[in-house]
Amino acid sequence: MSDFENVLDGVEPEEAKKVVEHLEQRAKSNKKFDVFEDAVEPQEIVVDKLKRFSRMFSASSPINIPNERLEVLDRIMQKINAMGFTFRSMNDPKDKLNNDVTERSDRKEYYLPWAKFGDATVDAKISKATEKSIKTACWLEVKKKAAINNAKGKNVPMEDLVSDYNLLSPAIKGFGGRNVHILLGDDCETAINFMLVYTECAAEQSIEIKYDKAQKTGYFIEASNRLNIPVFNLYKQDCEDRLVEYLNTFN
C-alpha cells in the first residue's frame, strides 16, 4: 500500500482500501486534485454569531459504553426525543457512542466525509465535506496548534501552521470537514446545542483531555470548547443531572 494508508486509522478496511486506491490513481494521473486535496486557507468562524438553540446535538466515544452507563443514556434519550432534538450522526462504525445514540434517536441527520462512507444506504444530509467546512476545519486546527505553542512559549507564524495543515492527506481533510458539519451543520453556522461524550479521562474541557484515552473524541471536546458548545461526559456520575438541568432551559 502507499503512504496514504497511515492516515486512515479507524476507517473500515474496505473503505480505506478504496480511498488509498483512488488517491494512488490520482497521483499517477497528475490531474489537479479537488477541494479535498487543494491547499486551503483558514476560514474564521465568529463564535458569537453562530446560530444557537437549534435543538441539535451529537455524540462521540472511542470505546464501548458500559451497560450501567447505557441505562443512563436510555433515560437521557427518552427526554431528548420527547423534546424534539435532532441527532447529527457521523455514520461511523468505529464511534461507539455515536452508533448507540443513532440507534436511539427518533430524529437524525447523517454527515459523511465522502459519499458512501460507512453504511452506504443512508440518505445523508451532507455526503461530502464542503469547501467551507474544510476551510473551517483548517481554522480550528490552526487555533488549536497556536494555543499549544503559546502555552509552551513558542511563537510559530500562522502561515507555518497553515502550511502544516495543508500537508495533511485528502482523507484527513475530508474527516475534518465532516467533523465541522457535525458541530456546525450544513451551513457551517448552526451550532449543535451540546456534545455528549464518553471517555475514561472524563474530560469536558480541553485542559482535561488525555488523548490516549479520549482519542478522536478529544477533538470534539476541544473544538466544542472553542465554539462555546457545552460538553457532557457520560463517564461522570452527575452527567445525567447536569444534562437534564440544561435541557430544561429549552422548555
C-alpha atoms as a PDB file:
ATOM      1  CA  MET A   1       0.000   0.000   0.000  1.00  0.00           C
ATOM      2  CA  SER A   2       1.018   3.659  -0.165  1.00  0.00           C
ATOM      3  CA  ASP A   3       1.961   6.340   2.333  1.00  0.00           C
ATOM      4  CA  PHE A   4      -1.712   7.339   2.405  1.00  0.00           C
ATOM      5  CA  GLU A   5      -2.717   4.333   4.468  1.00  0.00           C
ATOM      6  CA  ASN A   6      -1.203   5.545   7.736  1.00  0.00           C
ATOM      7  CA  VAL A   7      -3.746   8.396   7.928  1.00  0.00           C
ATOM      8  CA  LEU A   8      -6.740   6.071   7.671  1.00  0.00           C
ATOM      9  CA  ASP A   9      -6.575   4.601  11.150  1.00  0.00           C
ATOM     10  CA  GLY A  10     -10.102   3.870  12.320  1.00  0.00           C
ATOM     11  CA  VAL A  11     -11.587   3.609   8.827  1.00  0.00           C
ATOM     12  CA  GLU A  12     -13.178   0.309   7.826  1.00  0.00           C
ATOM     13  CA  PRO A  13     -10.611  -1.789   5.849  1.00  0.00           C
ATOM     14  CA  GLU A  14     -12.624  -1.973   2.647  1.00  0.00           C
ATOM     15  CA  GLU A  15     -13.392   1.753   2.750  1.00  0.00           C
ATOM     16  CA  ALA A  16      -9.739   2.551   3.466  1.00  0.00           C
ATOM     17  CA  LYS A  17      -8.642   0.382   0.544  1.00  0.00           C
ATOM     18  CA  LYS A  18     -10.936   2.279  -1.828  1.00  0.00           C
ATOM     19  CA  VAL A  19      -9.610   5.644  -0.618  1.00  0.00           C
ATOM     20  CA  VAL A  20      -5.980   4.557  -0.974  1.00  0.00           C
ATOM     21  CA  GLU A  21      -6.557   3.168  -4.469  1.00  0.00           C
ATOM     22  CA  HIS A  22      -8.338   6.370  -5.517  1.00  0.00           C
ATOM     23  CA  LEU A  23      -5.550   8.604  -4.242  1.00  0.00           C
ATOM     24  CA  GLU A  24      -2.854   6.471  -5.859  1.00  0.00           C
ATOM     25  CA  GLN A  25      -4.658   6.657  -9.195  1.00  0.00           C
ATOM     26  CA  ARG A  26      -4.996  10.447  -8.904  1.00  0.00           C
ATOM     27  CA  ALA A  27      -1.311  10.762  -8.006  1.00  0.00           C
ATOM     28  CA  LYS A  28      -0.280   8.717 -11.031  1.00  0.00           C
ATOM     29  CA  SER A  29      -2.576  10.642 -13.372  1.00  0.00           C
ATOM     30  CA  ASN A  30      -1.050  14.046 -12.471  1.00  0.00           C
ATOM     31  CA  LYS A  31      -4.555  15.532 -12.588  1.00  0.00           C
ATOM     32  CA  LYS A  32      -5.378  18.524 -10.420  1.00  0.00           C
ATOM     33  CA  PHE A  33      -6.858  17.454  -7.114  1.00  0.00           C
ATOM     34  CA  ASP A  34     -10.300  18.611  -5.998  1.00  0.00           C
ATOM     35  CA  VAL A  35     -11.120  20.630  -2.875  1.00  0.00           C
ATOM     36  CA  PHE A  36     -10.080  17.755  -0.591  1.00  0.00           C
ATOM     37  CA  GLU A  37      -6.556  17.849  -1.989  1.00  0.00           C
ATOM     38  CA  ASP A  38      -6.059  21.544  -2.802  1.00  0.00           C
ATOM     39  CA  ALA A  39      -4.268  23.821  -0.375  1.00  0.00           C
ATOM     40  CA  VAL A  40      -6.771  25.753   1.715  1.00  0.00           C
ATOM     41  CA  GLU A  41      -6.702  28.918   3.786  1.00  0.00           C
ATOM     42  CA  PRO A  42      -8.406  29.012   7.193  1.00  0.00           C
ATOM     43  CA  GLN A  43     -11.903  30.485   7.320  1.00  0.00           C
ATOM     44  CA  GLU A  44     -12.572  32.031  10.705  1.00  0.00           C
ATOM     45  CA  ILE A  45     -15.841  31.383  12.493  1.00  0.00           C
ATOM     46  CA  VAL A  46     -17.203  34.278  14.538  1.00  0.00           C
ATOM     47  CA  VAL A  47     -18.337  32.294  17.549  1.00  0.00           C
ATOM     48  CA  ASP A  48     -20.687  34.984  18.887  1.00  0.00           C
ATOM     49  CA  LYS A  49     -22.589  34.999  15.586  1.00  0.00           C
ATOM     50  CA  LEU A  50     -23.260  31.259  15.407  1.00  0.00           C
ATOM     51  CA  LYS A  51     -26.918  30.233  15.354  1.00  0.00           C
ATOM     52  CA  ARG A  52     -27.877  28.596  18.657  1.00  0.00           C
ATOM     53  CA  PHE A  53     -30.843  26.772  20.180  1.00  0.00           C
ATOM     54  CA  SER A  54     -31.482  24.745  17.034  1.00  0.00           C
ATOM     55  CA  ARG A  55     -32.340  21.592  19.065  1.00  0.00           C
ATOM     56  CA  MET A  56     -29.436  19.681  17.584  1.00  0.00           C
ATOM     57  CA  PHE A  57     -26.787  17.555  19.306  1.00  0.00           C
ATOM     58  CA  SER A  58     -24.141  14.945  18.602  1.00  0.00           C
ATOM     59  CA  ALA A  59     -22.134  12.323  20.469  1.00  0.00           C
ATOM     60  CA  SER A  60     -18.775  10.556  20.389  1.00  0.00           C
ATOM     61  CA  SER A  61     -16.769   7.905  22.199  1.00  0.00           C
ATOM     62  CA  PRO A  62     -13.774   5.787  21.151  1.00  0.00           C
ATOM     63  CA  ILE A  63     -14.792   2.788  23.292  1.00  0.00           C
ATOM     64  CA  ASN A  64     -17.827   0.695  24.148  1.00  0.00           C
ATOM     65  CA  ILE A  65     -20.092   2.214  26.798  1.00  0.00           C
ATOM     66  CA  PRO A  66     -20.533   0.106  29.969  1.00  0.00           C
ATOM     67  CA  ASN A  67     -24.040  -1.300  30.455  1.00  0.00           C
ATOM     68  CA  GLU A  68     -24.712   0.800  33.558  1.00  0.00           C
ATOM     69  CA  ARG A  69     -23.983   3.980  31.606  1.00  0.00           C
ATOM     70  CA  LEU A  70     -26.100   2.764  28.681  1.00  0.00           C
ATOM     71  CA  GLU A  71     -29.003   2.679  31.142  1.00  0.00           C
ATOM     72  CA  VAL A  72     -28.316   6.344  31.879  1.00  0.00           C
ATOM     73  CA  LEU A  73     -28.161   7.019  28.142  1.00  0.00           C
ATOM     74  CA  ASP A  74     -31.567   5.378  27.683  1.00  0.00           C
ATOM     75  CA  ARG A  75     -33.137   7.751  30.214  1.00  0.00           C
ATOM     76  CA  ILE A  76     -31.411  10.765  28.648  1.00  0.00           C
ATOM     77  CA  MET A  77     -32.562   9.772  25.165  1.00  0.00           C
ATOM     78  CA  GLN A  78     -36.192   9.472  26.286  1.00  0.00           C
ATOM     79  CA  LYS A  79     -36.115  13.114  27.329  1.00  0.00           C
ATOM     80  CA  ILE A  80     -34.141  14.244  24.264  1.00  0.00           C
ATOM     81  CA  ASN A  81     -36.584  12.526  21.889  1.00  0.00           C
ATOM     82  CA  ALA A  82     -39.579  13.929  23.745  1.00  0.00           C
ATOM     83  CA  MET A  83     -38.153  17.426  23.358  1.00  0.00           C
ATOM     84  CA  GLY A  84     -37.772  17.076  19.592  1.00  0.00           C
ATOM     85  CA  PHE A  85     -33.986  17.191  19.313  1.00  0.00           C
ATOM     86  CA  THR A  86     -32.287  16.038  16.106  1.00  0.00           C
ATOM     87  CA  PHE A  87     -29.098  13.990  16.258  1.00  0.00           C
ATOM     88  CA  ARG A  88     -26.208  14.697  13.895  1.00  0.00           C
ATOM     89  CA  SER A  89     -24.752  11.272  13.155  1.00  0.00           C
ATOM     90  CA  MET A  90     -21.297  10.507  11.730  1.00  0.00           C
ATOM     91  CA  ASN A  91     -22.441   7.141  10.349  1.00  0.00           C
ATOM     92  CA  ASP A  92     -19.074   5.880  11.630  1.00  0.00           C
ATOM     93  CA  PRO A  93     -18.961   2.236  12.811  1.00  0.00           C
ATOM     94  CA  LYS A  94     -15.835   2.999  14.855  1.00  0.00           C
ATOM     95  CA  ASP A  95     -17.549   5.602  17.054  1.00  0.00           C
ATOM     96  CA  LYS A  96     -19.361   3.587  19.707  1.00  0.00           C
ATOM     97  CA  LEU A  97     -21.473   6.278  21.401  1.00  0.00           C
ATOM     98  CA  ASN A  98     -22.388   7.832  18.061  1.00  0.00           C
ATOM     99  CA  ASN A  99     -23.778   4.452  16.991  1.00  0.00           C
ATOM    100  CA  ASP A 100     -25.598   3.950  20.305  1.00  0.00           C
ATOM    101  CA  VAL A 101     -27.284   7.348  20.045  1.00  0.00           C
ATOM    102  CA  THR A 102     -28.080   6.909  16.349  1.00  0.00           C
ATOM    103  CA  GLU A 103     -29.998   3.742  17.220  1.00  0.00           C
ATOM    104  CA  ARG A 104     -31.924   5.518  19.980  1.00  0.00           C
ATOM    105  CA  SER A 105     -32.730   8.780  18.167  1.00  0.00           C
ATOM    106  CA  ASP A 106     -36.170   9.480  16.715  1.00  0.00           C
ATOM    107  CA  ARG A 107     -34.760  12.275  14.533  1.00  0.00           C
ATOM    108  CA  LYS A 108     -31.334  12.128  12.900  1.00  0.00           C
ATOM    109  CA  GLU A 109     -29.263  13.565  10.081  1.00  0.00           C
ATOM    110  CA  TYR A 110     -26.171  11.963   8.592  1.00  0.00           C
ATOM    111  CA  TYR A 111     -22.985  13.835   7.712  1.00  0.00           C
ATOM    112  CA  LEU A 112     -20.308  11.996   5.701  1.00  0.00           C
ATOM    113  CA  PRO A 113     -16.704  12.876   4.766  1.00  0.00           C
ATOM    114  CA  TRP A 114     -17.336  11.423   1.313  1.00  0.00           C
ATOM    115  CA  ALA A 115     -20.122   9.562  -0.483  1.00  0.00           C
ATOM    116  CA  LYS A 116     -20.956   6.018   0.673  1.00  0.00           C
ATOM    117  CA  PHE A 117     -18.818   6.270   3.819  1.00  0.00           C
ATOM    118  CA  GLY A 118     -19.955   3.739   6.418  1.00  0.00           C
ATOM    119  CA  ASP A 119     -23.481   2.491   5.766  1.00  0.00           C
ATOM    120  CA  ALA A 120     -23.967   3.250   2.080  1.00  0.00           C
ATOM    121  CA  THR A 121     -27.767   3.006   2.397  1.00  0.00           C
ATOM    122  CA  VAL A 122     -28.269   6.148   4.497  1.00  0.00           C
ATOM    123  CA  ASP A 123     -29.765   9.296   2.991  1.00  0.00           C
ATOM    124  CA  ALA A 124     -27.118  11.819   4.061  1.00  0.00           C
ATOM    125  CA  LYS A 125     -27.718  15.494   4.760  1.00  0.00           C
ATOM    126  CA  ILE A 126     -24.096  16.052   3.646  1.00  0.00           C
ATOM    127  CA  SER A 127     -22.448  13.305   1.572  1.00  0.00           C
ATOM    128  CA  LYS A 128     -19.137  15.108   1.059  1.00  0.00           C
ATOM    129  CA  ALA A 129     -17.390  17.697   3.191  1.00  0.00           C
ATOM    130  CA  THR A 130     -17.826  21.147   1.634  1.00  0.00           C
ATOM    131  CA  GLU A 131     -15.066  23.612   0.836  1.00  0.00           C
ATOM    132  CA  LYS A 132     -16.265  25.906   3.638  1.00  0.00           C
ATOM    133  CA  SER A 133     -16.192  23.061   6.170  1.00  0.00           C
ATOM    134  CA  ILE A 134     -12.620  22.147   5.221  1.00  0.00           C
ATOM    135  CA  LYS A 135     -11.510  25.781   5.493  1.00  0.00           C
ATOM    136  CA  THR A 136     -13.214  25.993   8.896  1.00  0.00           C
ATOM    137  CA  ALA A 137     -11.508  22.761   9.966  1.00  0.00           C
ATOM    138  CA  CYS A 138      -8.213  24.385   8.982  1.00  0.00           C
ATOM    139  CA  TRP A 139      -9.025  27.406  11.170  1.00  0.00           C
ATOM    140  CA  LEU A 140      -9.890  25.187  14.157  1.00  0.00           C
ATOM    141  CA  GLU A 141      -6.684  23.188  13.756  1.00  0.00           C
ATOM    142  CA  VAL A 142      -4.536  26.309  13.423  1.00  0.00           C
ATOM    143  CA  LYS A 143      -6.152  27.877  16.518  1.00  0.00           C
ATOM    144  CA  LYS A 144      -5.548  24.674  18.474  1.00  0.00           C
ATOM    145  CA  LYS A 145      -1.881  24.440  17.435  1.00  0.00           C
ATOM    146  CA  ALA A 146      -1.347  28.147  18.121  1.00  0.00           C
ATOM    147  CA  ALA A 147      -2.753  27.748  21.657  1.00  0.00           C
ATOM    148  CA  ILE A 148      -0.472  24.768  22.305  1.00  0.00           C
ATOM    149  CA  ASN A 149       2.563  26.641  21.023  1.00  0.00           C
ATOM    150  CA  ASN A 150       1.720  29.733  23.064  1.00  0.00           C
ATOM    151  CA  ALA A 151       1.400  27.596  26.192  1.00  0.00           C
ATOM    152  CA  LYS A 152       4.898  26.268  25.504  1.00  0.00           C
ATOM    153  CA  GLY A 153       6.261  29.758  24.905  1.00  0.00           C
ATOM    154  CA  LYS A 154       6.784  29.152  21.194  1.00  0.00           C
ATOM    155  CA  ASN A 155       5.998  31.805  18.604  1.00  0.00           C
ATOM    156  CA  VAL A 156       5.196  29.866  15.427  1.00  0.00           C
ATOM    157  CA  PRO A 157       3.998  32.031  12.494  1.00  0.00           C
ATOM    158  CA  MET A 158       0.398  31.377  11.495  1.00  0.00           C
ATOM    159  CA  GLU A 159       1.413  30.789   7.881  1.00  0.00           C
ATOM    160  CA  ASP A 160       3.621  27.914   9.040  1.00  0.00           C
ATOM    161  CA  LEU A 161       0.701  26.350  10.896  1.00  0.00           C
ATOM    162  CA  VAL A 162      -1.478  26.673   7.790  1.00  0.00           C
ATOM    163  CA  SER A 163       1.274  25.077   5.708  1.00  0.00           C
ATOM    164  CA  ASP A 164       1.424  22.180   8.169  1.00  0.00           C
ATOM    165  CA  TYR A 165      -2.329  21.693   7.829  1.00  0.00           C
ATOM    166  CA  ASN A 166      -2.014  21.523   4.077  1.00  0.00           C
ATOM    167  CA  LEU A 167       0.421  18.630   4.395  1.00  0.00           C
ATOM    168  CA  LEU A 168      -2.446  16.528   5.718  1.00  0.00           C
ATOM    169  CA  SER A 169      -3.882  13.933   3.380  1.00  0.00           C
ATOM    170  CA  PRO A 170      -7.124  14.429   1.432  1.00  0.00           C
ATOM    171  CA  ALA A 171      -8.784  11.798   3.651  1.00  0.00           C
ATOM    172  CA  ILE A 172      -7.894  13.627   6.852  1.00  0.00           C
ATOM    173  CA  LYS A 173      -9.135  16.926   5.398  1.00  0.00           C
ATOM    174  CA  GLY A 174     -12.378  15.186   4.459  1.00  0.00           C
ATOM    175  CA  PHE A 175     -12.828  13.906   8.001  1.00  0.00           C
ATOM    176  CA  GLY A 176     -12.037  17.364   9.368  1.00  0.00           C
ATOM    177  CA  GLY A 177     -14.710  18.904   7.172  1.00  0.00           C
ATOM    178  CA  ARG A 178     -17.203  16.242   8.218  1.00  0.00           C
ATOM    179  CA  ASN A 179     -16.458  16.979  11.865  1.00  0.00           C
ATOM    180  CA  VAL A 180     -17.141  20.668  11.279  1.00  0.00           C
ATOM    181  CA  HIS A 181     -20.512  19.771   9.726  1.00  0.00           C
ATOM    182  CA  ILE A 182     -21.300  17.669  12.810  1.00  0.00           C
ATOM    183  CA  LEU A 183     -20.624  20.672  15.040  1.00  0.00           C
ATOM    184  CA  LEU A 184     -21.905  23.479  12.796  1.00  0.00           C
ATOM    185  CA  GLY A 185     -24.372  21.936  10.349  1.00  0.00           C
ATOM    186  CA  ASP A 186     -24.563  22.023   6.572  1.00  0.00           C
ATOM    187  CA  ASP A 187     -24.114  25.815   6.525  1.00  0.00           C
ATOM    188  CA  CYS A 188     -21.174  25.727   8.993  1.00  0.00           C
ATOM    189  CA  GLU A 189     -23.053  28.335  11.028  1.00  0.00           C
ATOM    190  CA  THR A 190     -25.683  26.397  13.021  1.00  0.00           C
ATOM    191  CA  ALA A 191     -24.100  25.004  16.177  1.00  0.00           C
ATOM    192  CA  ILE A 192     -25.265  21.911  17.981  1.00  0.00           C
ATOM    193  CA  ASN A 193     -26.647  22.727  21.415  1.00  0.00           C
ATOM    194  CA  PHE A 194     -24.419  20.213  23.186  1.00  0.00           C
ATOM    195  CA  MET A 195     -21.921  17.412  22.656  1.00  0.00           C
ATOM    196  CA  LEU A 196     -22.389  14.147  24.542  1.00  0.00           C
ATOM    197  CA  VAL A 197     -19.216  12.101  25.011  1.00  0.00           C
ATOM    198  CA  TYR A 198     -17.866   9.131  26.939  1.00  0.00           C
ATOM    199  CA  THR A 199     -14.141   8.970  27.697  1.00  0.00           C
ATOM    200  CA  GLU A 200     -12.306   7.309  30.563  1.00  0.00           C
ATOM    201  CA  CYS A 201     -10.446  10.561  31.268  1.00  0.00           C
ATOM    202  CA  ALA A 202     -13.893  12.121  31.973  1.00  0.00           C
ATOM    203  CA  ALA A 203     -12.873  15.249  30.045  1.00  0.00           C
ATOM    204  CA  GLU A 204     -15.323  18.045  29.321  1.00  0.00           C
ATOM    205  CA  GLN A 205     -12.707  20.796  28.993  1.00  0.00           C
ATOM    206  CA  SER A 206      -9.632  20.942  26.780  1.00  0.00           C
ATOM    207  CA  ILE A 207      -7.271  21.033  29.753  1.00  0.00           C
ATOM    208  CA  GLU A 208      -8.710  17.705  30.989  1.00  0.00           C
ATOM    209  CA  ILE A 209      -8.188  15.770  27.743  1.00  0.00           C
ATOM    210  CA  LYS A 210      -5.827  12.788  27.812  1.00  0.00           C
ATOM    211  CA  TYR A 211      -5.623  11.816  24.160  1.00  0.00           C
ATOM    212  CA  ASP A 212      -4.506   8.241  24.862  1.00  0.00           C
ATOM    213  CA  LYS A 213      -7.954   7.735  26.412  1.00  0.00           C
ATOM    214  CA  ALA A 214     -10.055  10.272  24.513  1.00  0.00           C
ATOM    215  CA  GLN A 215      -8.564   9.567  21.062  1.00  0.00           C
ATOM    216  CA  LYS A 216     -10.580  11.305  18.300  1.00  0.00           C
ATOM    217  CA  THR A 217     -13.323  12.218  20.787  1.00  0.00           C
ATOM    218  CA  GLY A 218     -10.775  14.622  22.225  1.00  0.00           C
ATOM    219  CA  TYR A 219     -11.110  16.651  19.024  1.00  0.00           C
ATOM    220  CA  PHE A 220     -14.837  17.108  19.573  1.00  0.00           C
ATOM    221  CA  ILE A 221     -14.280  18.160  23.188  1.00  0.00           C
ATOM    222  CA  GLU A 222     -11.599  20.712  22.258  1.00  0.00           C
ATOM    223  CA  ALA A 223     -13.474  22.058  19.230  1.00  0.00           C
ATOM    224  CA  SER A 224     -16.733  22.286  21.186  1.00  0.00           C
ATOM    225  CA  ASN A 225     -14.972  24.324  23.870  1.00  0.00           C
ATOM    226  CA  ARG A 226     -13.605  26.682  21.215  1.00  0.00           C
ATOM    227  CA  LEU A 227     -17.094  27.102  19.720  1.00  0.00           C
ATOM    228  CA  ASN A 228     -18.795  27.563  23.135  1.00  0.00           C
ATOM    229  CA  ILE A 229     -20.734  24.309  22.773  1.00  0.00           C
ATOM    230  CA  PRO A 230     -21.404  22.603  26.149  1.00  0.00           C
ATOM    231  CA  VAL A 231     -19.873  19.132  26.596  1.00  0.00           C
ATOM    232  CA  PHE A 232     -21.348  16.446  28.848  1.00  0.00           C
ATOM    233  CA  ASN A 233     -19.288  13.336  29.607  1.00  0.00           C
ATOM    234  CA  LEU A 234     -21.290  10.214  30.464  1.00  0.00           C
ATOM    235  CA  TYR A 235     -18.333   8.925  32.443  1.00  0.00           C
ATOM    236  CA  LYS A 236     -19.144  11.452  35.166  1.00  0.00           C
ATOM    237  CA  GLN A 237     -21.746  10.272  37.632  1.00  0.00           C
ATOM    238  CA  ASP A 238     -23.531  13.631  37.715  1.00  0.00           C
ATOM    239  CA  CYS A 239     -23.717  13.907  33.913  1.00  0.00           C
ATOM    240  CA  GLU A 240     -27.395  12.977  33.740  1.00  0.00           C
ATOM    241  CA  ASP A 241     -28.472  15.530  36.341  1.00  0.00           C
ATOM    242  CA  ARG A 242     -26.472  18.329  34.736  1.00  0.00           C
ATOM    243  CA  LEU A 243     -27.656  17.491  31.226  1.00  0.00           C
ATOM    244  CA  VAL A 244     -31.318  17.295  32.266  1.00  0.00           C
ATOM    245  CA  GLU A 245     -30.964  20.652  34.013  1.00  0.00           C
ATOM    246  CA  TYR A 246     -29.512  22.072  30.785  1.00  0.00           C
ATOM    247  CA  LEU A 247     -32.252  20.547  28.628  1.00  0.00           C
ATOM    248  CA  ASN A 248     -34.885  22.113  30.849  1.00  0.00           C
ATOM    249  CA  THR A 249     -33.681  25.552  29.722  1.00  0.00           C
ATOM    250  CA  PHE A 250     -35.235  24.773  26.315  1.00  0.00           C
ATOM    251  CA  ASN A 251     -38.787  24.466  27.691  1.00  0.00           C
END
